[in-house]
């Protein structure tokens, strides 16, 4: 499929947004493709395994991803090798009193999916991912208003 990148500005501090994203139990709240998600460690760190049950291409799948890079309040990178190689990079940067979150995914499909992904899957993935980031924004900003 190649690379899909989306971004959103969230009116919350970087530390809060980062903490929300690195807690896999939050993912089903904002990502419509994730049905459940847990981590092998109480605090996510390099080497942590994140297990997720996802709905993708009309099927449910179990995916395991390893945290391969973690820079607090700045960057998180996970990699999954099965059922396809998938690298997901998150970056977090202060912007106008809030946080700019950029999510870049790179999926390497095999077989027929490799052929159809640029035309069919990538546009769907881009829209779905942006919608997920917008849900995250709404959730964090709603929670933030109740804390302020």
C-alpha atoms as a PDB file:
ATOM      1  CA  UNK A   1       0.000   0.000   0.000  1.00  0.00           C
ATOM      2  CA  UNK A   2       2.811   2.346   0.779  1.00  0.00           C
ATOM      3  CA  UNK A   3       2.696   5.375   2.980  1.00  0.00           C
ATOM      4  CA  UNK A   4      -0.330   7.120   4.466  1.00  0.00           C
ATOM      5  CA  UNK A   5       0.170  10.248   6.541  1.00  0.00           C
ATOM      6  CA  UNK A   6      -2.397  12.300   8.433  1.00  0.00           C
ATOM      7  CA  UNK A   7      -2.195  15.075  10.976  1.00  0.00           C
ATOM      8  CA  UNK A   8      -4.384  16.976  13.411  1.00  0.00           C
ATOM      9  CA  UNK A   9      -3.927  19.838  15.861  1.00  0.00           C
ATOM     10  CA  UNK A  10      -5.324  19.086  19.320  1.00  0.00           C
ATOM     11  CA  UNK A  11      -5.979  21.874  21.791  1.00  0.00           C
ATOM     12  CA  UNK A  12      -4.282  20.037  24.658  1.00  0.00           C
ATOM     13  CA  UNK A  13      -0.669  19.940  25.935  1.00  0.00           C
ATOM     14  CA  UNK A  14       1.820  17.571  24.312  1.00  0.00           C
ATOM     15  CA  UNK A  15       2.302  15.603  27.552  1.00  0.00           C
ATOM     16  CA  UNK A  16      -1.434  14.859  27.797  1.00  0.00           C
ATOM     17  CA  UNK A  17      -1.824  13.876  24.140  1.00  0.00           C
ATOM     18  CA  UNK A  18       1.287  11.677  24.239  1.00  0.00           C
ATOM     19  CA  UNK A  19       0.130   9.888  27.413  1.00  0.00           C
ATOM     20  CA  UNK A  20      -3.281   9.231  25.836  1.00  0.00           C
ATOM     21  CA  UNK A  21      -1.791   7.770  22.645  1.00  0.00           C
ATOM     22  CA  UNK A  22       0.764   5.506  24.334  1.00  0.00           C
ATOM     23  CA  UNK A  23      -1.957   3.868  26.446  1.00  0.00           C
ATOM     24  CA  UNK A  24      -3.338   1.163  24.107  1.00  0.00           C
ATOM     25  CA  UNK A  25      -6.520   0.805  26.150  1.00  0.00           C
ATOM     26  CA  UNK A  26      -7.585   4.218  24.765  1.00  0.00           C
ATOM     27  CA  UNK A  27      -7.252   3.198  21.118  1.00  0.00           C
ATOM     28  CA  UNK A  28     -10.734   1.643  20.652  1.00  0.00           C
ATOM     29  CA  UNK A  29     -12.253   4.957  21.846  1.00  0.00           C
ATOM     30  CA  UNK A  30     -10.961   6.863  18.840  1.00  0.00           C
ATOM     31  CA  UNK A  31      -9.851   4.325  16.204  1.00  0.00           C
ATOM     32  CA  UNK A  32     -12.861   2.707  14.528  1.00  0.00           C
ATOM     33  CA  UNK A  33     -10.775  -0.189  13.166  1.00  0.00           C
ATOM     34  CA  UNK A  34      -9.529  -1.264  16.627  1.00  0.00           C
ATOM     35  CA  UNK A  35     -11.933  -3.382  18.654  1.00  0.00           C
ATOM     36  CA  UNK A  36      -9.592  -4.010  21.622  1.00  0.00           C
ATOM     37  CA  UNK A  37      -5.982  -3.268  22.474  1.00  0.00           C
ATOM     38  CA  UNK A  38      -3.640  -4.186  25.340  1.00  0.00           C
ATOM     39  CA  UNK A  39       0.075  -4.028  26.063  1.00  0.00           C
ATOM     40  CA  UNK A  40       2.491  -6.526  27.557  1.00  0.00           C
ATOM     41  CA  UNK A  41       3.798  -3.928  30.021  1.00  0.00           C
ATOM     42  CA  UNK A  42       2.045  -1.542  32.399  1.00  0.00           C
ATOM     43  CA  UNK A  43       4.152   1.320  31.017  1.00  0.00           C
ATOM     44  CA  UNK A  44       4.791   1.198  27.291  1.00  0.00           C
ATOM     45  CA  UNK A  45       8.501   1.240  26.433  1.00  0.00           C
ATOM     46  CA  UNK A  46      10.807   0.011  23.684  1.00  0.00           C
ATOM     47  CA  UNK A  47      10.211  -3.746  23.387  1.00  0.00           C
ATOM     48  CA  UNK A  48       6.604  -3.647  24.632  1.00  0.00           C
ATOM     49  CA  UNK A  49       4.189  -5.764  22.615  1.00  0.00           C
ATOM     50  CA  UNK A  50       0.841  -4.199  21.793  1.00  0.00           C
ATOM     51  CA  UNK A  51      -1.876  -6.718  20.946  1.00  0.00           C
ATOM     52  CA  UNK A  52      -4.914  -5.490  19.067  1.00  0.00           C
ATOM     53  CA  UNK A  53      -8.024  -7.026  17.608  1.00  0.00           C
ATOM     54  CA  UNK A  54      -8.825  -5.060  14.465  1.00  0.00           C
ATOM     55  CA  UNK A  55     -11.442  -4.995  11.750  1.00  0.00           C
ATOM     56  CA  UNK A  56      -9.655  -4.495   8.437  1.00  0.00           C
ATOM     57  CA  UNK A  57     -10.800  -5.309   4.927  1.00  0.00           C
ATOM     58  CA  UNK A  58     -14.084  -6.713   6.285  1.00  0.00           C
ATOM     59  CA  UNK A  59     -12.276  -9.237   8.524  1.00  0.00           C
ATOM     60  CA  UNK A  60     -11.299  -9.353  12.150  1.00  0.00           C
ATOM     61  CA  UNK A  61      -7.635 -10.048  12.813  1.00  0.00           C
ATOM     62  CA  UNK A  62      -5.289 -10.234  15.758  1.00  0.00           C
ATOM     63  CA  UNK A  63      -2.233  -8.046  15.324  1.00  0.00           C
ATOM     64  CA  UNK A  64       0.870  -7.842  17.484  1.00  0.00           C
ATOM     65  CA  UNK A  65       3.090  -4.807  17.193  1.00  0.00           C
ATOM     66  CA  UNK A  66       6.378  -4.115  18.957  1.00  0.00           C
ATOM     67  CA  UNK A  67       7.376  -0.690  20.147  1.00  0.00           C
ATOM     68  CA  UNK A  68      10.660  -0.089  18.321  1.00  0.00           C
ATOM     69  CA  UNK A  69      11.216   3.581  19.261  1.00  0.00           C
ATOM     70  CA  UNK A  70       9.900   5.789  22.040  1.00  0.00           C
ATOM     71  CA  UNK A  71      10.942   9.368  22.730  1.00  0.00           C
ATOM     72  CA  UNK A  72       8.720  10.736  25.525  1.00  0.00           C
ATOM     73  CA  UNK A  73       6.411  13.561  24.423  1.00  0.00           C
ATOM     74  CA  UNK A  74       7.906  13.458  20.934  1.00  0.00           C
ATOM     75  CA  UNK A  75       7.796  10.160  19.001  1.00  0.00           C
ATOM     76  CA  UNK A  76       6.428   6.611  19.094  1.00  0.00           C
ATOM     77  CA  UNK A  77       7.128   3.929  16.484  1.00  0.00           C
ATOM     78  CA  UNK A  78       5.561   0.457  16.359  1.00  0.00           C
ATOM     79  CA  UNK A  79       6.098  -2.379  13.899  1.00  0.00           C
ATOM     80  CA  UNK A  80       3.975  -5.398  13.115  1.00  0.00           C
ATOM     81  CA  UNK A  81       5.171  -8.258  10.914  1.00  0.00           C
ATOM     82  CA  UNK A  82       2.015 -10.401  10.661  1.00  0.00           C
ATOM     83  CA  UNK A  83      -0.304 -10.705   8.780  1.00  0.00           C
ATOM     84  CA  UNK A  84       1.640  -8.001   6.890  1.00  0.00           C
ATOM     85  CA  UNK A  85       4.520  -5.689   7.669  1.00  0.00           C
ATOM     86  CA  UNK A  86       3.165  -2.439   9.114  1.00  0.00           C
ATOM     87  CA  UNK A  87       5.168   0.409  10.617  1.00  0.00           C
ATOM     88  CA  UNK A  88       3.342   3.207  12.402  1.00  0.00           C
ATOM     89  CA  UNK A  89       5.154   6.409  13.403  1.00  0.00           C
ATOM     90  CA  UNK A  90       3.600   9.043  15.649  1.00  0.00           C
ATOM     91  CA  UNK A  91       5.143  12.472  16.172  1.00  0.00           C
ATOM     92  CA  UNK A  92       4.008  15.078  18.685  1.00  0.00           C
ATOM     93  CA  UNK A  93       4.993  18.751  18.534  1.00  0.00           C
ATOM     94  CA  UNK A  94       3.813  21.889  20.332  1.00  0.00           C
ATOM     95  CA  UNK A  95       1.737  24.164  18.076  1.00  0.00           C
ATOM     96  CA  UNK A  96      -0.111  27.344  19.034  1.00  0.00           C
ATOM     97  CA  UNK A  97      -0.630  26.249  22.640  1.00  0.00           C
ATOM     98  CA  UNK A  98      -1.756  22.759  21.619  1.00  0.00           C
ATOM     99  CA  UNK A  99      -0.226  19.704  19.988  1.00  0.00           C
ATOM    100  CA  UNK A 100       0.337  18.780  16.343  1.00  0.00           C
ATOM    101  CA  UNK A 101      -0.031  15.015  16.035  1.00  0.00           C
ATOM    102  CA  UNK A 102       1.216  13.366  12.848  1.00  0.00           C
ATOM    103  CA  UNK A 103       0.591   9.690  12.208  1.00  0.00           C
ATOM    104  CA  UNK A 104       2.441   7.984   9.366  1.00  0.00           C
ATOM    105  CA  UNK A 105       1.684   4.395   8.433  1.00  0.00           C
ATOM    106  CA  UNK A 106       3.529   2.210   5.989  1.00  0.00           C
ATOM    107  CA  UNK A 107       1.999  -1.155   5.068  1.00  0.00           C
ATOM    108  CA  UNK A 108       3.685  -3.706   2.832  1.00  0.00           C
ATOM    109  CA  UNK A 109       0.990  -5.982   1.434  1.00  0.00           C
ATOM    110  CA  UNK A 110       1.648  -9.193  -0.462  1.00  0.00           C
ATOM    111  CA  UNK A 111      -0.179 -10.875  -3.289  1.00  0.00           C
ATOM    112  CA  UNK A 112      -3.287  -9.339  -4.809  1.00  0.00           C
ATOM    113  CA  UNK A 113      -3.540  -6.744  -2.036  1.00  0.00           C
ATOM    114  CA  UNK A 114      -0.215  -5.319  -3.176  1.00  0.00           C
ATOM    115  CA  UNK A 115      -1.690  -4.734  -6.644  1.00  0.00           C
ATOM    116  CA  UNK A 116      -5.004  -3.174  -5.591  1.00  0.00           C
ATOM    117  CA  UNK A 117      -3.832  -1.239  -2.539  1.00  0.00           C
ATOM    118  CA  UNK A 118      -2.709   1.991  -4.287  1.00  0.00           C
ATOM    119  CA  UNK A 119      -6.041   2.339  -6.054  1.00  0.00           C
ATOM    120  CA  UNK A 120      -8.484   1.030  -3.451  1.00  0.00           C
ATOM    121  CA  UNK A 121      -6.998   0.536  -0.002  1.00  0.00           C
ATOM    122  CA  UNK A 122      -4.779   3.618   0.348  1.00  0.00           C
ATOM    123  CA  UNK A 123      -7.590   6.171  -0.207  1.00  0.00           C
ATOM    124  CA  UNK A 124      -9.831   4.312   2.260  1.00  0.00           C
ATOM    125  CA  UNK A 125      -6.997   4.076   4.795  1.00  0.00           C
ATOM    126  CA  UNK A 126      -6.236   7.795   4.464  1.00  0.00           C
ATOM    127  CA  UNK A 127      -9.880   8.793   5.083  1.00  0.00           C
ATOM    128  CA  UNK A 128     -10.345   6.294   7.921  1.00  0.00           C
ATOM    129  CA  UNK A 129      -7.138   7.382   9.624  1.00  0.00           C
ATOM    130  CA  UNK A 130      -7.974  11.094   9.399  1.00  0.00           C
ATOM    131  CA  UNK A 131     -11.445  10.420  10.812  1.00  0.00           C
ATOM    132  CA  UNK A 132      -9.827   8.518  13.692  1.00  0.00           C
ATOM    133  CA  UNK A 133      -7.495  11.416  14.456  1.00  0.00           C
ATOM    134  CA  UNK A 134     -10.463  13.794  14.422  1.00  0.00           C
ATOM    135  CA  UNK A 135     -12.274  11.528  16.943  1.00  0.00           C
ATOM    136  CA  UNK A 136      -9.147  11.559  19.131  1.00  0.00           C
ATOM    137  CA  UNK A 137      -9.072  15.360  18.941  1.00  0.00           C
ATOM    138  CA  UNK A 138     -12.738  15.599  19.951  1.00  0.00           C
ATOM    139  CA  UNK A 139     -12.272  13.142  22.834  1.00  0.00           C
ATOM    140  CA  UNK A 140      -9.188  14.874  24.247  1.00  0.00           C
ATOM    141  CA  UNK A 141     -10.576  18.376  23.877  1.00  0.00           C
ATOM    142  CA  UNK A 142     -13.892  17.335  25.488  1.00  0.00           C
ATOM    143  CA  UNK A 143     -12.029  15.725  28.390  1.00  0.00           C
ATOM    144  CA  UNK A 144      -9.779  18.761  28.648  1.00  0.00           C
ATOM    145  CA  UNK A 145     -12.706  21.161  28.995  1.00  0.00           C
ATOM    146  CA  UNK A 146     -14.018  19.147  31.939  1.00  0.00           C
ATOM    147  CA  UNK A 147     -10.569  19.281  33.605  1.00  0.00           C
ATOM    148  CA  UNK A 148      -9.911  22.996  33.008  1.00  0.00           C
END
